[in-house]
Protein backbone atom coordinates (compact mmCIF):
# COMPACT_ATOMS: atom_id res chain seq x y z
CA MET A 1 22.08 -64.11 -17.16
CA ASN A 2 20.24 -64.75 -20.37
CA PRO A 3 18.65 -61.56 -21.80
CA MET A 4 15.57 -63.58 -22.82
CA ASP A 5 15.06 -64.66 -19.18
CA ILE A 6 15.16 -61.02 -18.10
CA PHE A 7 12.61 -60.14 -20.77
CA LYS A 8 10.30 -63.00 -19.72
CA ASN A 9 10.54 -61.93 -16.07
CA PHE A 10 9.72 -58.36 -17.04
CA GLN A 11 6.68 -59.52 -19.00
CA ASN A 12 5.50 -61.57 -16.01
CA ILE A 13 5.94 -58.62 -13.65
CA GLN A 14 4.17 -56.28 -16.06
CA SER A 15 1.29 -58.73 -16.36
CA ARG A 16 1.02 -58.99 -12.55
CA VAL A 17 1.08 -55.18 -12.18
CA ASN A 18 -1.79 -54.92 -14.67
CA GLU A 19 -3.65 -57.64 -12.78
CA ILE A 20 -3.16 -55.83 -9.48
CA GLN A 21 -4.28 -52.50 -10.98
CA ASP A 22 -7.47 -54.17 -12.20
CA LYS A 23 -8.03 -55.70 -8.78
CA LEU A 24 -7.49 -52.35 -7.06
CA GLN A 25 -10.37 -50.84 -9.03
CA ASN A 26 -12.63 -52.91 -6.77
CA VAL A 27 -10.88 -51.97 -3.53
CA THR A 28 -12.50 -49.15 -1.58
CA VAL A 29 -11.66 -47.55 1.73
CA THR A 30 -13.39 -44.92 3.83
CA GLY A 31 -11.56 -42.07 5.49
CA PHE A 32 -13.09 -40.42 8.55
CA ALA A 33 -12.72 -37.07 10.29
CA GLY A 34 -14.37 -35.18 13.11
CA GLY A 35 -15.65 -38.21 14.96
CA ASP A 36 -17.11 -39.62 11.74
CA MET A 37 -18.92 -36.38 10.87
CA VAL A 38 -17.15 -36.42 7.49
CA LYS A 39 -16.60 -39.62 5.51
CA VAL A 40 -14.75 -39.95 2.21
CA ASP A 41 -14.79 -43.09 0.06
CA MET A 42 -11.79 -43.72 -2.20
CA ASN A 43 -11.02 -46.51 -4.65
CA GLY A 44 -7.73 -48.24 -5.43
CA GLN A 45 -7.02 -45.74 -8.19
CA MET A 46 -7.07 -43.02 -5.52
CA THR A 47 -10.26 -41.52 -6.90
CA VAL A 48 -12.71 -40.08 -4.39
CA THR A 49 -15.97 -41.90 -5.07
CA GLY A 50 -18.16 -40.47 -2.32
CA VAL A 51 -18.37 -37.84 0.38
CA THR A 52 -20.80 -37.89 3.30
CA ILE A 53 -21.11 -34.89 5.61
CA SER A 54 -23.19 -34.99 8.77
CA PRO A 55 -25.47 -31.97 9.26
CA ASP A 56 -23.73 -31.52 12.63
CA ALA A 57 -20.52 -30.66 10.75
CA VAL A 58 -22.15 -27.79 8.87
CA ASN A 59 -21.80 -24.45 10.59
CA PRO A 60 -22.28 -21.51 8.21
CA ASP A 61 -20.18 -19.37 10.56
CA ASP A 62 -17.22 -21.76 10.41
CA ILE A 63 -16.77 -23.00 6.83
CA GLY A 64 -13.03 -23.34 7.51
CA MET A 65 -13.68 -26.13 10.01
CA LEU A 66 -15.73 -28.08 7.46
CA GLU A 67 -13.01 -27.63 4.86
CA ASP A 68 -10.45 -28.95 7.35
CA LEU A 69 -12.64 -31.97 8.14
CA VAL A 70 -13.06 -32.82 4.45
CA LEU A 71 -9.31 -32.50 3.91
CA ALA A 72 -8.60 -34.69 6.95
CA ALA A 73 -11.03 -37.38 5.72
CA ILE A 74 -9.43 -37.38 2.25
CA THR A 75 -5.99 -37.67 3.83
CA ASP A 76 -7.18 -40.56 6.01
CA ALA A 77 -8.63 -42.37 2.99
CA SER A 78 -5.43 -41.75 1.02
CA VAL A 79 -3.29 -43.30 3.76
CA LYS A 80 -5.59 -46.33 3.92
CA ILE A 81 -5.65 -46.91 0.16
CA LYS A 82 -1.87 -46.59 -0.08
CA GLU A 83 -1.56 -49.29 2.57
CA ALA A 84 -3.98 -51.51 0.62
CA ILE A 85 -1.89 -50.94 -2.53
CA ARG A 86 1.31 -51.78 -0.64
CA GLN A 87 -0.24 -55.01 0.56
CA GLU A 88 -1.32 -55.98 -2.96
CA MET A 89 2.09 -55.10 -4.38
CA SER A 90 3.96 -57.04 -1.68
CA GLY A 91 2.73 -60.24 -3.34
CA LEU A 92 4.36 -59.08 -6.56
CA THR A 93 7.61 -58.08 -4.89
CA GLY A 94 7.81 -61.17 -2.70
CA GLY A 95 7.29 -59.16 0.49
CA MET A 96 10.13 -56.80 -0.32
CA ASP A 97 9.38 -53.21 0.70
CA LEU A 98 8.68 -50.84 -2.16
CA PRO A 99 11.02 -47.90 -2.55
CA PRO A 100 9.60 -44.53 -1.43
CA GLY A 101 7.68 -42.84 -4.22
CA PHE A 102 7.04 -46.09 -6.11
CA MET A 103 3.63 -45.84 -7.80
CA GLY A 104 2.95 -42.57 -5.97
CA MET A 105 3.42 -44.02 -2.49
């Protein structure tokens, strides 16, 4: 195989990865917990962009429950955004599954 072909392919892949990363900035998901009492919005860069907590979830005598609900909503959003990233990346990889741990997934 010609080394220049490999280099060109690498440049194309790198360009597509950058394109996908830019596109993922506009992707948002919402994670839910506690029957939607806690909602967490997350973007494609895995940054939490919003948190909504229902007054029904706030019990001053049970702060631990609220903390668990927030954690569960963040985890739910994280799972959803990773799936969205996998779907975007599958176009780049031709539908081939990404190896575990690739791009933090």
